[in-house]
Amino acid sequence: MEKTDTPGHIAVIENCTMSAVGLQHLFAMPMLSHYRLHLFSQFESF
């Protein structure tokens, strides 16, 4: 498997604020630091 220093990008469309906050805290964990989380509340803003 190829290893790279560039972060992976994950886009999530979630209109529930509490779910979005939970996802932010989940991806703030050190073992997931190689991912960059992008949260959108509506599909149109994606």
Protein backbone atom coordinates (compact mmCIF):
# COMPACT_ATOMS: atom_id res chain seq x y z
CA MET A 1 0.00 0.00 0.00
CA GLU A 2 1.35 3.41 -0.97
CA LYS A 3 2.04 5.85 1.85
CA THR A 4 1.89 9.59 1.38
CA ASP A 5 2.16 12.67 3.55
CA THR A 6 -0.80 14.40 1.93
CA PRO A 7 -4.03 14.23 3.91
CA GLY A 8 -7.06 12.39 2.64
CA HIS A 9 -10.21 14.44 2.23
CA ILE A 10 -13.62 13.34 3.50
CA ALA A 11 -16.74 15.33 2.65
CA VAL A 12 -19.91 14.82 4.69
CA ILE A 13 -23.28 16.44 4.11
CA GLU A 14 -24.99 16.53 7.51
CA ASN A 15 -27.73 18.96 8.50
CA CYS A 16 -27.80 17.94 12.18
CA THR A 17 -25.47 20.20 14.15
CA MET A 18 -24.91 17.68 16.94
CA SER A 19 -23.90 14.97 14.47
CA ALA A 20 -21.52 17.38 12.75
CA VAL A 21 -19.91 18.28 16.09
CA GLY A 22 -19.54 14.59 16.92
CA LEU A 23 -17.83 13.93 13.58
CA GLN A 24 -15.47 16.86 14.15
CA HIS A 25 -14.46 15.44 17.53
CA LEU A 26 -14.04 11.96 16.06
CA PHE A 27 -11.73 13.19 13.30
CA ALA A 28 -9.76 15.32 15.78
CA MET A 29 -8.30 12.10 17.22
CA PRO A 30 -4.55 11.73 16.55
CA MET A 31 -4.92 8.42 14.72
CA LEU A 32 -7.21 10.11 12.16
CA SER A 33 -5.05 13.22 11.72
CA HIS A 34 -4.13 12.20 8.16
CA TYR A 35 -7.73 12.89 7.08
CA ARG A 36 -9.22 16.33 6.45
CA LEU A 37 -12.93 16.53 7.22
CA HIS A 38 -15.17 18.88 5.24
CA LEU A 39 -18.68 19.31 6.64
CA PHE A 40 -21.57 20.76 4.67
CA SER A 41 -25.09 21.36 5.94
CA GLN A 42 -26.74 21.31 2.50
CA PHE A 43 -25.99 19.56 -0.76
CA GLU A 44 -26.06 22.89 -2.61
CA SER A 45 -23.12 24.19 -0.56
CA PHE A 46 -21.14 21.04 -1.39
